[in-house]
Amino acid sequence: MRSMTVKEARDSFDRMLEAAKREGVVLRDGTVDAAVVVSPEEYARLRQSRAERLLKAMDRVAAEAAANGLTEEKLAELLKQPD
């Protein structure tokens, strides 16, 4: 992934955009990473990966809850809002 300062990105937006399409660009503001610009395909891949990790974590929690005796009925009772 390429790195550019915010000023460089602003001064040569077209070059930054082309680099982002190929490899992604980290924009630095002084010594701090301010943003990352990636292609739509890379963004979609990252979102998909995150969603898959979340689903796996949810499955693990559900399995642990079931192993500890949590049923749909008990869960509904726990989630009931007081009137």
PDB file of N, CA and C in Angstrom:
ATOM      1  N   MET A   1       0.858  -1.169   0.000  1.00  0.00           N
ATOM      2  CA  MET A   1       0.000   0.000   0.000  1.00  0.00           C
ATOM      3  C   MET A   1       0.903   1.230   0.000  1.00  0.00           C
ATOM      4  N   ARG A   2       0.569   2.158  -0.841  1.00  0.00           N
ATOM      5  CA  ARG A   2       1.346   3.380  -0.982  1.00  0.00           C
ATOM      6  C   ARG A   2       0.977   4.380   0.115  1.00  0.00           C
ATOM      7  N   SER A   3       1.914   5.267   0.440  1.00  0.00           N
ATOM      8  CA  SER A   3       1.664   6.307   1.431  1.00  0.00           C
ATOM      9  C   SER A   3       1.891   7.671   0.792  1.00  0.00           C
ATOM     10  N   MET A   4       1.004   8.617   1.079  1.00  0.00           N
ATOM     11  CA  MET A   4       1.124   9.994   0.582  1.00  0.00           C
ATOM     12  C   MET A   4       0.700  10.937   1.696  1.00  0.00           C
ATOM     13  N   THR A   5       1.228  12.141   1.648  1.00  0.00           N
ATOM     14  CA  THR A   5       0.731  13.139   2.585  1.00  0.00           C
ATOM     15  C   THR A   5      -0.609  13.655   2.065  1.00  0.00           C
ATOM     16  N   VAL A   6      -1.386  14.230   2.958  1.00  0.00           N
ATOM     17  CA  VAL A   6      -2.662  14.818   2.556  1.00  0.00           C
ATOM     18  C   VAL A   6      -2.417  15.898   1.503  1.00  0.00           C
ATOM     19  N   LYS A   7      -1.371  16.682   1.689  1.00  0.00           N
ATOM     20  CA  LYS A   7      -1.050  17.745   0.717  1.00  0.00           C
ATOM     21  C   LYS A   7      -0.725  17.158  -0.651  1.00  0.00           C
ATOM     22  N   GLU A   8       0.091  16.096  -0.686  1.00  0.00           N
ATOM     23  CA  GLU A   8       0.402  15.447  -1.965  1.00  0.00           C
ATOM     24  C   GLU A   8      -0.868  14.948  -2.643  1.00  0.00           C
ATOM     25  N   ALA A   9      -1.760  14.340  -1.873  1.00  0.00           N
ATOM     26  CA  ALA A   9      -3.007  13.816  -2.432  1.00  0.00           C
ATOM     27  C   ALA A   9      -3.864  14.948  -2.979  1.00  0.00           C
ATOM     28  N   ARG A  10      -3.906  16.052  -2.248  1.00  0.00           N
ATOM     29  CA  ARG A  10      -4.701  17.200  -2.688  1.00  0.00           C
ATOM     30  C   ARG A  10      -4.100  17.814  -3.956  1.00  0.00           C
ATOM     31  N   ASP A  11      -2.770  17.922  -3.978  1.00  0.00           N
ATOM     32  CA  ASP A  11      -2.094  18.547  -5.128  1.00  0.00           C
ATOM     33  C   ASP A  11      -2.118  17.685  -6.376  1.00  0.00           C
ATOM     34  N   SER A  12      -2.202  16.367  -6.191  1.00  0.00           N
ATOM     35  CA  SER A  12      -2.218  15.468  -7.361  1.00  0.00           C
ATOM     36  C   SER A  12      -3.286  14.403  -7.156  1.00  0.00           C
ATOM     37  N   PHE A  13      -4.521  14.849  -7.070  1.00  0.00           N
ATOM     38  CA  PHE A  13      -5.640  13.959  -6.801  1.00  0.00           C
ATOM     39  C   PHE A  13      -5.721  12.820  -7.811  1.00  0.00           C
ATOM     40  N   ASP A  14      -5.502  13.129  -9.092  1.00  0.00           N
ATOM     41  CA  ASP A  14      -5.590  12.088 -10.126  1.00  0.00           C
ATOM     42  C   ASP A  14      -4.558  10.991  -9.895  1.00  0.00           C
ATOM     43  N   ARG A  15      -3.338  11.347  -9.518  1.00  0.00           N
ATOM     44  CA  ARG A  15      -2.299  10.353  -9.241  1.00  0.00           C
ATOM     45  C   ARG A  15      -2.660   9.516  -8.006  1.00  0.00           C
ATOM     46  N   MET A  16      -3.186  10.174  -6.983  1.00  0.00           N
ATOM     47  CA  MET A  16      -3.599   9.458  -5.778  1.00  0.00           C
ATOM     48  C   MET A  16      -4.719   8.475  -6.103  1.00  0.00           C
ATOM     49  N   LEU A  17      -5.674   8.907  -6.911  1.00  0.00           N
ATOM     50  CA  LEU A  17      -6.796   8.060  -7.270  1.00  0.00           C
ATOM     51  C   LEU A  17      -6.343   6.832  -8.058  1.00  0.00           C
ATOM     52  N   GLU A  18      -5.427   7.023  -8.979  1.00  0.00           N
ATOM     53  CA  GLU A  18      -4.899   5.891  -9.753  1.00  0.00           C
ATOM     54  C   GLU A  18      -4.157   4.906  -8.848  1.00  0.00           C
ATOM     55  N   ALA A  19      -3.369   5.429  -7.912  1.00  0.00           N
ATOM     56  CA  ALA A  19      -2.657   4.556  -6.981  1.00  0.00           C
ATOM     57  C   ALA A  19      -3.648   3.796  -6.100  1.00  0.00           C
ATOM     58  N   ALA A  20      -4.713   4.456  -5.685  1.00  0.00           N
ATOM     59  CA  ALA A  20      -5.729   3.812  -4.841  1.00  0.00           C
ATOM     60  C   ALA A  20      -6.390   2.656  -5.578  1.00  0.00           C
ATOM     61  N   LYS A  21      -6.620   2.812  -6.863  1.00  0.00           N
ATOM     62  CA  LYS A  21      -7.232   1.741  -7.651  1.00  0.00           C
ATOM     63  C   LYS A  21      -6.327   0.521  -7.728  1.00  0.00           C
ATOM     64  N   ARG A  22      -5.015   0.746  -7.803  1.00  0.00           N
ATOM     65  CA  ARG A  22      -4.061  -0.354  -7.959  1.00  0.00           C
ATOM     66  C   ARG A  22      -3.703  -1.030  -6.641  1.00  0.00           C
ATOM     67  N   GLU A  23      -3.412  -0.209  -5.614  1.00  0.00           N
ATOM     68  CA  GLU A  23      -2.828  -0.798  -4.415  1.00  0.00           C
ATOM     69  C   GLU A  23      -3.344  -0.200  -3.112  1.00  0.00           C
ATOM     70  N   GLY A  24      -4.119   0.832  -3.170  1.00  0.00           N
ATOM     71  CA  GLY A  24      -4.559   1.513  -1.963  1.00  0.00           C
ATOM     72  C   GLY A  24      -3.549   2.573  -1.552  1.00  0.00           C
ATOM     73  N   VAL A  25      -4.029   3.586  -0.869  1.00  0.00           N
ATOM     74  CA  VAL A  25      -3.167   4.693  -0.454  1.00  0.00           C
ATOM     75  C   VAL A  25      -3.493   5.065   0.982  1.00  0.00           C
ATOM     76  N   VAL A  26      -2.446   5.160   1.797  1.00  0.00           N
ATOM     77  CA  VAL A  26      -2.582   5.680   3.154  1.00  0.00           C
ATOM     78  C   VAL A  26      -2.269   7.170   3.079  1.00  0.00           C
ATOM     79  N   LEU A  27      -3.196   7.998   3.544  1.00  0.00           N
ATOM     80  CA  LEU A  27      -2.984   9.444   3.562  1.00  0.00           C
ATOM     81  C   LEU A  27      -2.510   9.835   4.951  1.00  0.00           C
ATOM     82  N   ARG A  28      -1.358  10.513   4.993  1.00  0.00           N
ATOM     83  CA  ARG A  28      -0.759  10.916   6.258  1.00  0.00           C
ATOM     84  C   ARG A  28      -0.891  12.412   6.458  1.00  0.00           C
ATOM     85  N   ASP A  29      -1.287  12.783   7.652  1.00  0.00           N
ATOM     86  CA  ASP A  29      -1.388  14.187   8.037  1.00  0.00           C
ATOM     87  C   ASP A  29      -0.335  14.412   9.113  1.00  0.00           C
ATOM     88  N   GLY A  30       0.802  14.895   8.706  1.00  0.00           N
ATOM     89  CA  GLY A  30       1.937  14.985   9.622  1.00  0.00           C
ATOM     90  C   GLY A  30       2.456  13.590   9.892  1.00  0.00           C
ATOM     91  N   THR A  31       2.421  13.187  11.148  1.00  0.00           N
ATOM     92  CA  THR A  31       2.901  11.846  11.510  1.00  0.00           C
ATOM     93  C   THR A  31       1.763  10.867  11.756  1.00  0.00           C
ATOM     94  N   VAL A  32       0.538  11.307  11.459  1.00  0.00           N
ATOM     95  CA  VAL A  32      -0.647  10.498  11.758  1.00  0.00           C
ATOM     96  C   VAL A  32      -1.284   9.985  10.469  1.00  0.00           C
ATOM     97  N   ASP A  33      -1.644   8.688  10.452  1.00  0.00           N
ATOM     98  CA  ASP A  33      -2.426   8.148   9.339  1.00  0.00           C
ATOM     99  C   ASP A  33      -3.825   8.739   9.443  1.00  0.00           C
ATOM    100  N   ALA A  34      -4.229   9.511   8.419  1.00  0.00           N
ATOM    101  CA  ALA A  34      -5.513  10.214   8.461  1.00  0.00           C
ATOM    102  C   ALA A  34      -6.622   9.446   7.756  1.00  0.00           C
ATOM    103  N   ALA A  35      -6.279   8.709   6.715  1.00  0.00           N
ATOM    104  CA  ALA A  35      -7.304   7.999   5.941  1.00  0.00           C
ATOM    105  C   ALA A  35      -6.632   6.948   5.060  1.00  0.00           C
ATOM    106  N   VAL A  36      -7.456   6.034   4.571  1.00  0.00           N
ATOM    107  CA  VAL A  36      -7.004   5.046   3.599  1.00  0.00           C
ATOM    108  C   VAL A  36      -7.988   5.086   2.448  1.00  0.00           C
ATOM    109  N   VAL A  37      -7.464   5.157   1.232  1.00  0.00           N
ATOM    110  CA  VAL A  37      -8.306   5.167   0.038  1.00  0.00           C
ATOM    111  C   VAL A  37      -8.031   3.869  -0.712  1.00  0.00           C
ATOM    112  N   VAL A  38      -9.104   3.105  -0.955  1.00  0.00           N
ATOM    113  CA  VAL A  38      -8.973   1.827  -1.666  1.00  0.00           C
ATOM    114  C   VAL A  38      -9.997   1.759  -2.793  1.00  0.00           C
ATOM    115  N   SER A  39      -9.802   0.815  -3.677  1.00  0.00           N
ATOM    116  CA  SER A  39     -10.736   0.611  -4.783  1.00  0.00           C
ATOM    117  C   SER A  39     -12.060   0.074  -4.248  1.00  0.00           C
ATOM    118  N   PRO A  40     -13.132   0.241  -5.024  1.00  0.00           N
ATOM    119  CA  PRO A  40     -14.420  -0.329  -4.603  1.00  0.00           C
ATOM    120  C   PRO A  40     -14.348  -1.851  -4.429  1.00  0.00           C
ATOM    121  N   GLU A  41     -13.557  -2.520  -5.242  1.00  0.00           N
ATOM    122  CA  GLU A  41     -13.428  -3.976  -5.136  1.00  0.00           C
ATOM    123  C   GLU A  41     -12.757  -4.369  -3.818  1.00  0.00           C
ATOM    124  N   GLU A  42     -11.698  -3.635  -3.458  1.00  0.00           N
ATOM    125  CA  GLU A  42     -11.012  -3.928  -2.197  1.00  0.00           C
ATOM    126  C   GLU A  42     -11.918  -3.620  -1.012  1.00  0.00           C
ATOM    127  N   TYR A  43     -12.663  -2.543  -1.087  1.00  0.00           N
ATOM    128  CA  TYR A  43     -13.596  -2.188  -0.020  1.00  0.00           C
ATOM    129  C   TYR A  43     -14.651  -3.286   0.152  1.00  0.00           C
ATOM    130  N   ALA A  44     -15.183  -3.781  -0.964  1.00  0.00           N
ATOM    131  CA  ALA A  44     -16.186  -4.856  -0.904  1.00  0.00           C
ATOM    132  C   ALA A  44     -15.577  -6.116  -0.291  1.00  0.00           C
ATOM    133  N   ARG A  45     -14.333  -6.430  -0.657  1.00  0.00           N
ATOM    134  CA  ARG A  45     -13.660  -7.602  -0.096  1.00  0.00           C
ATOM    135  C   ARG A  45     -13.478  -7.452   1.416  1.00  0.00           C
ATOM    136  N   LEU A  46     -13.078  -6.277   1.854  1.00  0.00           N
ATOM    137  CA  LEU A  46     -12.896  -6.024   3.281  1.00  0.00           C
ATOM    138  C   LEU A  46     -14.218  -6.138   4.038  1.00  0.00           C
ATOM    139  N   ARG A  47     -15.288  -5.581   3.463  1.00  0.00           N
ATOM    140  CA  ARG A  47     -16.602  -5.667   4.105  1.00  0.00           C
ATOM    141  C   ARG A  47     -17.063  -7.112   4.205  1.00  0.00           C
ATOM    142  N   GLN A  48     -16.872  -7.888   3.146  1.00  0.00           N
ATOM    143  CA  GLN A  48     -17.277  -9.295   3.134  1.00  0.00           C
ATOM    144  C   GLN A  48     -16.514 -10.079   4.190  1.00  0.00           C
ATOM    145  N   SER A  49     -15.216  -9.840   4.280  1.00  0.00           N
ATOM    146  CA  SER A  49     -14.391 -10.521   5.269  1.00  0.00           C
ATOM    147  C   SER A  49     -14.853 -10.187   6.685  1.00  0.00           C
ATOM    148  N   ARG A  50     -15.161  -8.943   6.915  1.00  0.00           N
ATOM    149  CA  ARG A  50     -15.638  -8.523   8.243  1.00  0.00           C
ATOM    150  C   ARG A  50     -16.988  -9.164   8.572  1.00  0.00           C
ATOM    151  N   ALA A  51     -17.875  -9.211   7.586  1.00  0.00           N
ATOM    152  CA  ALA A  51     -19.190  -9.836   7.797  1.00  0.00           C
ATOM    153  C   ALA A  51     -19.035 -11.321   8.110  1.00  0.00           C
ATOM    154  N   GLU A  52     -18.136 -12.000   7.410  1.00  0.00           N
ATOM    155  CA  GLU A  52     -17.910 -13.427   7.661  1.00  0.00           C
ATOM    156  C   GLU A  52     -17.375 -13.662   9.070  1.00  0.00           C
ATOM    157  N   ARG A  53     -16.448 -12.807   9.511  1.00  0.00           N
ATOM    158  CA  ARG A  53     -15.916 -12.939  10.874  1.00  0.00           C
ATOM    159  C   ARG A  53     -17.013 -12.708  11.910  1.00  0.00           C
ATOM    160  N   LEU A  54     -17.877 -11.729  11.652  1.00  0.00           N
ATOM    161  CA  LEU A  54     -18.974 -11.460  12.579  1.00  0.00           C
ATOM    162  C   LEU A  54     -19.919 -12.648  12.665  1.00  0.00           C
ATOM    163  N   LEU A  55     -20.281 -13.230  11.533  1.00  0.00           N
ATOM    164  CA  LEU A  55     -21.177 -14.391  11.531  1.00  0.00           C
ATOM    165  C   LEU A  55     -20.558 -15.569  12.282  1.00  0.00           C
ATOM    166  N   LYS A  56     -19.261 -15.801  12.106  1.00  0.00           N
ATOM    167  CA  LYS A  56     -18.591 -16.888  12.831  1.00  0.00           C
ATOM    168  C   LYS A  56     -18.629 -16.627  14.334  1.00  0.00           C
ATOM    169  N   ALA A  57     -18.380 -15.384  14.732  1.00  0.00           N
ATOM    170  CA  ALA A  57     -18.424 -15.043  16.162  1.00  0.00           C
ATOM    171  C   ALA A  57     -19.832 -15.239  16.710  1.00  0.00           C
ATOM    172  N   MET A  58     -20.841 -14.846  15.964  1.00  0.00           N
ATOM    173  CA  MET A  58     -22.225 -15.016  16.392  1.00  0.00           C
ATOM    174  C   MET A  58     -22.559 -16.500  16.538  1.00  0.00           C
ATOM    175  N   ASP A  59     -22.082 -17.323  15.607  1.00  0.00           N
ATOM    176  CA  ASP A  59     -22.313 -18.769  15.696  1.00  0.00           C
ATOM    177  C   ASP A  59     -21.657 -19.345  16.946  1.00  0.00           C
ATOM    178  N   ARG A  60     -20.436 -18.896  17.275  1.00  0.00           N
ATOM    179  CA  ARG A  60     -19.752 -19.383  18.483  1.00  0.00           C
ATOM    180  C   ARG A  60     -20.527 -18.993  19.734  1.00  0.00           C
ATOM    181  N   VAL A  61     -20.997 -17.750  19.785  1.00  0.00           N
ATOM    182  CA  VAL A  61     -21.756 -17.287  20.952  1.00  0.00           C
ATOM    183  C   VAL A  61     -23.063 -18.062  21.079  1.00  0.00           C
ATOM    184  N   ALA A  62     -23.746 -18.277  19.958  1.00  0.00           N
ATOM    185  CA  ALA A  62     -25.005 -19.026  19.985  1.00  0.00           C
ATOM    186  C   ALA A  62     -24.781 -20.452  20.461  1.00  0.00           C
ATOM    187  N   ALA A  63     -23.704 -21.090  20.002  1.00  0.00           N
ATOM    188  CA  ALA A  63     -23.405 -22.458  20.416  1.00  0.00           C
ATOM    189  C   ALA A  63     -23.100 -22.507  21.919  1.00  0.00           C
ATOM    190  N   GLU A  64     -22.343 -21.528  22.399  1.00  0.00           N
ATOM    191  CA  GLU A  64     -22.028 -21.485  23.830  1.00  0.00           C
ATOM    192  C   GLU A  64     -23.289 -21.241  24.655  1.00  0.00           C
ATOM    193  N   ALA A  65     -24.149 -20.340  24.193  1.00  0.00           N
ATOM    194  CA  ALA A  65     -25.397 -20.058  24.911  1.00  0.00           C
ATOM    195  C   ALA A  65     -26.281 -21.300  24.959  1.00  0.00           C
ATOM    196  N   ALA A  66     -26.383 -21.996  23.835  1.00  0.00           N
ATOM    197  CA  ALA A  66     -27.200 -23.219  23.796  1.00  0.00           C
ATOM    198  C   ALA A  66     -26.612 -24.280  24.716  1.00  0.00           C
ATOM    199  N   ALA A  67     -25.292 -24.400  24.745  1.00  0.00           N
ATOM    200  CA  ALA A  67     -24.647 -25.380  25.608  1.00  0.00           C
ATOM    201  C   ALA A  67     -24.891 -25.063  27.086  1.00  0.00           C
ATOM    202  N   ASN A  68     -25.127 -23.790  27.376  1.00  0.00           N
ATOM    203  CA  ASN A  68     -25.403 -23.364  28.756  1.00  0.00           C
ATOM    204  C   ASN A  68     -26.892 -23.300  29.064  1.00  0.00           C
ATOM    205  N   GLY A  69     -27.712 -23.823  28.145  1.00  0.00           N
ATOM    206  CA  GLY A  69     -29.134 -23.946  28.414  1.00  0.00           C
ATOM    207  C   GLY A  69     -30.013 -22.787  27.968  1.00  0.00           C
ATOM    208  N   LEU A  70     -29.487 -21.859  27.223  1.00  0.00           N
ATOM    209  CA  LEU A  70     -30.315 -20.746  26.750  1.00  0.00           C
ATOM    210  C   LEU A  70     -31.191 -21.223  25.590  1.00  0.00           C
ATOM    211  N   THR A  71     -32.489 -21.033  25.728  1.00  0.00           N
ATOM    212  CA  THR A  71     -33.440 -21.399  24.669  1.00  0.00           C
ATOM    213  C   THR A  71     -34.023 -20.118  24.091  1.00  0.00           C
ATOM    214  N   GLU A  72     -34.745 -20.257  22.990  1.00  0.00           N
ATOM    215  CA  GLU A  72     -35.417 -19.107  22.379  1.00  0.00           C
ATOM    216  C   GLU A  72     -36.400 -18.477  23.368  1.00  0.00           C
ATOM    217  N   GLU A  73     -37.082 -19.329  24.113  1.00  0.00           N
ATOM    218  CA  GLU A  73     -38.065 -18.841  25.087  1.00  0.00           C
ATOM    219  C   GLU A  73     -37.390 -18.051  26.209  1.00  0.00           C
ATOM    220  N   LYS A  74     -36.284 -18.577  26.734  1.00  0.00           N
ATOM    221  CA  LYS A  74     -35.560 -17.878  27.793  1.00  0.00           C
ATOM    222  C   LYS A  74     -35.007 -16.548  27.282  1.00  0.00           C
ATOM    223  N   LEU A  75     -34.518 -16.565  26.053  1.00  0.00           N
ATOM    224  CA  LEU A  75     -33.989 -15.336  25.461  1.00  0.00           C
ATOM    225  C   LEU A  75     -35.085 -14.297  25.300  1.00  0.00           C
ATOM    226  N   ALA A  76     -36.241 -14.718  24.824  1.00  0.00           N
ATOM    227  CA  ALA A  76     -37.364 -13.787  24.654  1.00  0.00           C
ATOM    228  C   ALA A  76     -37.744 -13.183  25.992  1.00  0.00           C
ATOM    229  N   GLU A  77     -37.755 -13.990  27.031  1.00  0.00           N
ATOM    230  CA  GLU A  77     -38.091 -13.493  28.373  1.00  0.00           C
ATOM    231  C   GLU A  77     -37.056 -12.490  28.849  1.00  0.00           C
ATOM    232  N   LEU A  78     -35.792 -12.781  28.611  1.00  0.00           N
ATOM    233  CA  LEU A  78     -34.712 -11.871  29.024  1.00  0.00           C
ATOM    234  C   LEU A  78     -34.773 -10.531  28.279  1.00  0.00           C
ATOM    235  N   LEU A  79     -35.226 -10.591  27.037  1.00  0.00           N
ATOM    236  CA  LEU A  79     -35.257  -9.380  26.212  1.00  0.00           C
ATOM    237  C   LEU A  79     -36.551  -8.580  26.340  1.00  0.00           C
ATOM    238  N   LYS A  80     -37.503  -9.102  27.088  1.00  0.00           N
ATOM    239  CA  LYS A  80     -38.766  -8.388  27.263  1.00  0.00           C
ATOM    240  C   LYS A  80     -38.541  -7.007  27.863  1.00  0.00           C
ATOM    241  N   GLN A  81     -39.210  -6.026  27.304  1.00  0.00           N
ATOM    242  CA  GLN A  81     -39.145  -4.672  27.831  1.00  0.00           C
ATOM    243  C   GLN A  81     -40.204  -4.507  28.912  1.00  0.00           C
ATOM    244  N   PRO A  82     -39.852  -3.914  30.044  1.00  0.00           N
ATOM    245  CA  PRO A  82     -40.892  -3.656  31.053  1.00  0.00           C
ATOM    246  C   PRO A  82     -41.882  -2.609  30.529  1.00  0.00           C
ATOM    247  N   ASP A  83     -43.149  -2.779  30.892  1.00  0.00           N
ATOM    248  CA  ASP A  83     -44.184  -1.828  30.429  1.00  0.00           C
ATOM    249  C   ASP A  83     -44.073  -0.502  31.080  1.00  0.00           C
TER     250      ASP A  83
END
